[in-house]
Structures are given as C-alpha cells and as structure tokens.
C-alpha cells in the first residue's frame, strides 16, 4: 500500500476548479491512468481544509502518478505498520443508517430509506459497530456535530451528504479484519472522500 500527501494552496485550488468533493474526486482519478473510471475505485482519499492550504491524503495499492499540482509526496506503508497494539485515529465519515419505510397498508417496504445520522449517541454507536465488524475496538472518541455538504456532479446534478470528523484511540482485536478495513475504508460515500482511516501508532 502507498500513502500519498498533497499540499495544495488555496490559489491553486481556484485555478484547478476544485470547488467541491466531486471535483476533487475527478482530479484524483488522473493519478491512476491504468484504471478505467466507472470500475472499482483503486484508492481512498481524505481532504483536510486549512486556512491557506488543503492537505489531500490518498491511500492506494498502486503508486499514483504525479498529479502535476500541489506538493506531492508518496511513501510505501511498512508491513509492520498495522501490527501495533494501539493507534490514534482520524476518520472523516458519512454515517448513515437504513430506516424502515412503511407502505400505505402498513407493510414494510422491501428497501428502506438510507438517511444520515445526526444524533450524538447514534453516531458513537455507529462507529462502535463499524469497529466490531472491522476488527478493532474504539477506546475513546470525540467528534464534531455532523455537517451537511453539497456537491455538483456534472455541474447540474446536486447532491447532499453528511460529514462527521471522528478522532480518538483504537486498538485492533483482529489484525486480519483490521487490515482489510483499513484498505477498504469505513462507511459510505468513499468516492467523495470518506472512509479513510488515518492512523498513528501509540507506544
């Protein structure tokens, strides 16, 4: 696996037309010319927006090509990186839940409605469930209230999603599952920059 960091100044963002998450997603694809768009996405990404610059993180199995903008640095991830007992983590996620929808006759609709989670207790439960399924235990967690974000696909189709920034400490309970979770991401909307688990080993 490779972890790439790209520092992008605000002026460059404007010149490149990087206005929302969809624009960033399309731009990142250019670093993977060997993959066809519309197929399974070969990377996870995360965007940390600062006052004068943004930091773009990309996790991928293939080493990305040079984007041609920003200050880009790529390094391979050591095989021992995922073998530590505890980690600090940061996760930008789009937490959702499938709600039951009833028809007029009271029967349950086959496919429910996937909606964003805003309640603090439900958000904590959501991350706990993801950890149990993904081979890790959340030891402590803080998060900001969910923020609604809009994006435009092909400049005309407007979409809205919910962003929550989780941060805390976790410990792996199943290293095989934990590695798969780290590689595949957590939650939905991974194409729009959610799900990448940034980790820092703790002593």
Protein backbone atom coordinates (compact mmCIF):
# COMPACT_ATOMS: atom_id res chain seq x y z
CA UNK A 1 0.00 0.00 0.00
CA UNK A 2 1.06 3.58 -0.63
CA UNK A 3 0.14 6.71 1.32
CA UNK A 4 0.32 10.00 -0.57
CA UNK A 5 0.12 13.51 0.83
CA UNK A 6 -0.51 16.51 -1.42
CA UNK A 7 -0.37 20.08 -0.09
CA UNK A 8 -2.49 22.39 -2.23
CA UNK A 9 -2.59 26.18 -1.79
CA UNK A 10 -5.93 27.95 -1.93
CA UNK A 11 -4.94 29.80 -5.09
CA UNK A 12 -4.13 26.54 -6.85
CA UNK A 13 -7.50 25.10 -5.81
CA UNK A 14 -9.24 28.02 -7.51
CA UNK A 15 -7.12 27.73 -10.66
CA UNK A 16 -7.82 23.99 -10.86
CA UNK A 17 -11.55 24.45 -10.30
CA UNK A 18 -11.61 22.28 -7.17
CA UNK A 19 -14.84 23.63 -5.72
CA UNK A 20 -16.36 20.56 -4.07
CA UNK A 21 -15.79 16.88 -3.34
CA UNK A 22 -16.84 15.74 -6.80
CA UNK A 23 -14.20 18.00 -8.40
CA UNK A 24 -11.51 16.59 -6.11
CA UNK A 25 -12.60 13.03 -6.87
CA UNK A 26 -12.34 13.58 -10.61
CA UNK A 27 -8.92 15.21 -10.23
CA UNK A 28 -7.52 12.34 -8.14
CA UNK A 29 -8.50 9.78 -10.79
CA UNK A 30 -5.86 11.33 -13.07
CA UNK A 31 -3.19 9.89 -10.80
CA UNK A 32 -4.36 6.37 -11.74
CA UNK A 33 -4.27 6.26 -15.56
CA UNK A 34 -4.14 2.46 -15.62
CA UNK A 35 -7.67 2.19 -14.22
CA UNK A 36 -10.92 2.88 -16.03
CA UNK A 37 -13.38 5.23 -14.41
CA UNK A 38 -16.63 3.53 -13.61
CA UNK A 39 -14.77 0.47 -12.31
CA UNK A 40 -13.97 -0.13 -8.66
CA UNK A 41 -12.13 2.86 -7.24
CA UNK A 42 -8.45 1.94 -6.64
CA UNK A 43 -7.92 4.45 -3.84
CA UNK A 44 -9.34 6.06 -0.70
CA UNK A 45 -8.90 9.75 -0.04
CA UNK A 46 -9.38 12.42 2.58
CA UNK A 47 -9.26 16.22 2.42
CA UNK A 48 -8.24 18.40 5.36
CA UNK A 49 -9.05 22.03 4.58
CA UNK A 50 -6.84 24.69 6.15
CA UNK A 51 -6.90 28.49 6.17
CA UNK A 52 -4.37 28.94 3.36
CA UNK A 53 -3.92 25.39 2.03
CA UNK A 54 -5.54 21.97 1.99
CA UNK A 55 -3.96 18.60 2.68
CA UNK A 56 -5.06 15.75 0.44
CA UNK A 57 -4.40 12.18 1.61
CA UNK A 58 -4.58 9.22 -0.79
CA UNK A 59 -4.29 5.54 0.19
CA UNK A 60 -3.82 3.13 -2.71
CA UNK A 61 -2.46 -0.28 -3.65
CA UNK A 62 -0.78 1.14 -6.77
CA UNK A 63 1.68 4.00 -6.56
CA UNK A 64 -0.08 7.06 -8.00
CA UNK A 65 1.29 9.07 -10.88
CA UNK A 66 2.29 12.68 -10.34
CA UNK A 67 -0.79 14.89 -10.33
CA UNK A 68 1.12 17.87 -11.65
CA UNK A 69 -0.14 20.27 -8.99
CA UNK A 70 0.48 20.81 -5.31
CA UNK A 71 3.42 19.42 -3.33
CA UNK A 72 3.07 15.66 -3.66
CA UNK A 73 4.93 13.05 -1.61
CA UNK A 74 4.31 9.29 -1.70
CA UNK A 75 5.76 6.60 0.52
CA UNK A 76 5.13 2.85 0.80
CA UNK A 77 3.49 1.69 4.01
CA UNK A 78 5.68 -0.65 6.05
CA UNK A 79 4.37 -4.20 6.52
CA UNK A 80 4.65 -3.78 10.29
CA UNK A 81 2.54 -0.60 10.35
CA UNK A 82 -0.70 -2.45 11.11
CA UNK A 83 0.79 -4.66 13.83
CA UNK A 84 0.71 -2.19 16.72
CA UNK A 85 -1.46 -2.58 19.81
CA UNK A 86 -2.97 0.91 19.84
CA UNK A 87 -3.39 3.84 17.46
CA UNK A 88 -4.54 7.41 17.41
CA UNK A 89 -7.02 7.72 14.56
CA UNK A 90 -8.82 10.31 12.48
CA UNK A 91 -11.79 9.42 10.31
CA UNK A 92 -13.87 11.63 8.06
CA UNK A 93 -17.08 9.67 7.56
CA UNK A 94 -20.58 9.82 6.12
CA UNK A 95 -22.53 7.87 8.78
CA UNK A 96 -25.90 6.59 7.58
CA UNK A 97 -28.49 4.09 8.69
CA UNK A 98 -31.20 2.17 6.85
CA UNK A 99 -34.59 3.28 8.17
CA UNK A 100 -37.73 1.18 7.87
CA UNK A 101 -40.29 2.57 5.43
CA UNK A 102 -43.94 1.53 5.71
CA UNK A 103 -46.35 1.39 2.78
CA UNK A 104 -49.92 2.72 2.96
CA UNK A 105 -51.22 -0.68 4.02
CA UNK A 106 -48.74 -0.80 6.90
CA UNK A 107 -46.48 -3.41 5.34
CA UNK A 108 -42.73 -2.92 5.28
CA UNK A 109 -41.16 -1.69 2.05
CA UNK A 110 -38.55 -4.13 0.75
CA UNK A 111 -35.84 -1.47 0.51
CA UNK A 112 -35.84 1.09 3.28
CA UNK A 113 -34.53 4.63 3.23
CA UNK A 114 -30.85 5.33 3.91
CA UNK A 115 -30.57 8.51 5.93
CA UNK A 116 -27.79 10.44 7.64
CA UNK A 117 -27.17 10.10 11.37
CA UNK A 118 -27.04 13.31 13.44
CA UNK A 119 -27.73 12.17 17.00
CA UNK A 120 -24.51 12.04 19.07
CA UNK A 121 -25.36 8.75 20.79
CA UNK A 122 -26.24 7.12 17.46
CA UNK A 123 -23.01 8.37 15.91
CA UNK A 124 -20.98 6.79 18.70
CA UNK A 125 -22.94 3.54 18.31
CA UNK A 126 -22.35 3.63 14.55
CA UNK A 127 -18.59 3.83 14.98
CA UNK A 128 -18.64 1.12 17.66
CA UNK A 129 -20.49 -1.21 15.28
CA UNK A 130 -18.06 -0.46 12.47
CA UNK A 131 -15.20 -1.30 14.82
CA UNK A 132 -16.73 -4.59 15.92
CA UNK A 133 -17.25 -5.59 12.29
CA UNK A 134 -13.89 -4.22 11.21
CA UNK A 135 -11.56 -5.83 13.72
CA UNK A 136 -10.95 -3.01 16.18
CA UNK A 137 -12.24 -1.56 19.44
CA UNK A 138 -12.78 2.16 19.94
CA UNK A 139 -11.15 3.06 23.25
CA UNK A 140 -12.03 6.74 23.15
CA UNK A 141 -13.61 9.02 20.59
CA UNK A 142 -14.51 12.66 20.08
CA UNK A 143 -16.36 14.10 17.14
CA UNK A 144 -17.85 17.33 15.90
CA UNK A 145 -21.55 17.69 15.06
CA UNK A 146 -22.48 16.41 11.62
CA UNK A 147 -22.10 18.99 8.84
CA UNK A 148 -24.17 18.99 5.64
CA UNK A 149 -22.18 19.39 2.42
CA UNK A 150 -23.38 19.85 -1.14
CA UNK A 151 -21.64 18.91 -4.35
CA UNK A 152 -22.45 19.07 -8.05
CA UNK A 153 -21.99 16.15 -10.39
CA UNK A 154 -21.51 17.24 -13.98
CA UNK A 155 -22.37 20.81 -12.84
CA UNK A 156 -26.11 20.14 -12.85
CA UNK A 157 -26.89 17.23 -10.52
CA UNK A 158 -26.81 18.49 -6.94
CA UNK A 159 -26.15 16.06 -4.12
CA UNK A 160 -26.03 16.47 -0.35
CA UNK A 161 -24.30 14.37 2.26
CA UNK A 162 -23.36 14.50 5.92
CA UNK A 163 -19.76 14.73 7.19
CA UNK A 164 -18.58 13.78 10.68
CA UNK A 165 -14.97 14.11 11.84
CA UNK A 166 -14.12 11.34 14.33
CA UNK A 167 -10.85 11.28 16.27
CA UNK A 168 -9.65 9.18 19.17
CA UNK A 169 -7.84 5.98 20.10
CA UNK A 170 -8.47 2.45 18.88
CA UNK A 171 -6.95 -1.00 19.40
CA UNK A 172 -7.07 -3.86 16.88
CA UNK A 173 -8.90 -7.01 18.01
CA UNK A 174 -8.44 -8.99 14.79
CA UNK A 175 -5.43 -7.93 12.73
CA UNK A 176 -6.64 -9.59 9.53
CA UNK A 177 -10.00 -7.83 9.66
CA UNK A 178 -8.36 -4.60 10.77
CA UNK A 179 -6.06 -4.59 7.73
CA UNK A 180 -8.98 -5.22 5.38
CA UNK A 181 -10.95 -2.40 6.99
CA UNK A 182 -8.02 -0.01 6.65
CA UNK A 183 -7.57 -0.89 2.98
CA UNK A 184 -11.28 -0.79 2.07
CA UNK A 185 -12.44 2.13 4.20
CA UNK A 186 -15.33 2.67 6.58
CA UNK A 187 -18.90 3.66 5.76
CA UNK A 188 -20.41 5.03 2.57
CA UNK A 189 -19.52 7.74 0.01
CA UNK A 190 -15.88 6.63 -0.31
CA UNK A 191 -15.75 8.16 -3.78
CA UNK A 192 -16.38 11.54 -2.20
CA UNK A 193 -13.55 11.41 0.28
CA UNK A 194 -14.95 9.46 3.21
CA UNK A 195 -13.83 6.29 4.96
CA UNK A 196 -10.03 6.66 5.01
CA UNK A 197 -8.74 5.74 8.48
CA UNK A 198 -5.65 7.82 9.26
CA UNK A 199 -3.57 6.05 11.90
CA UNK A 200 -0.67 6.96 14.18
CA UNK A 201 0.82 4.12 16.28
CA UNK A 202 0.98 4.68 20.03
CA UNK A 203 3.69 3.31 22.30
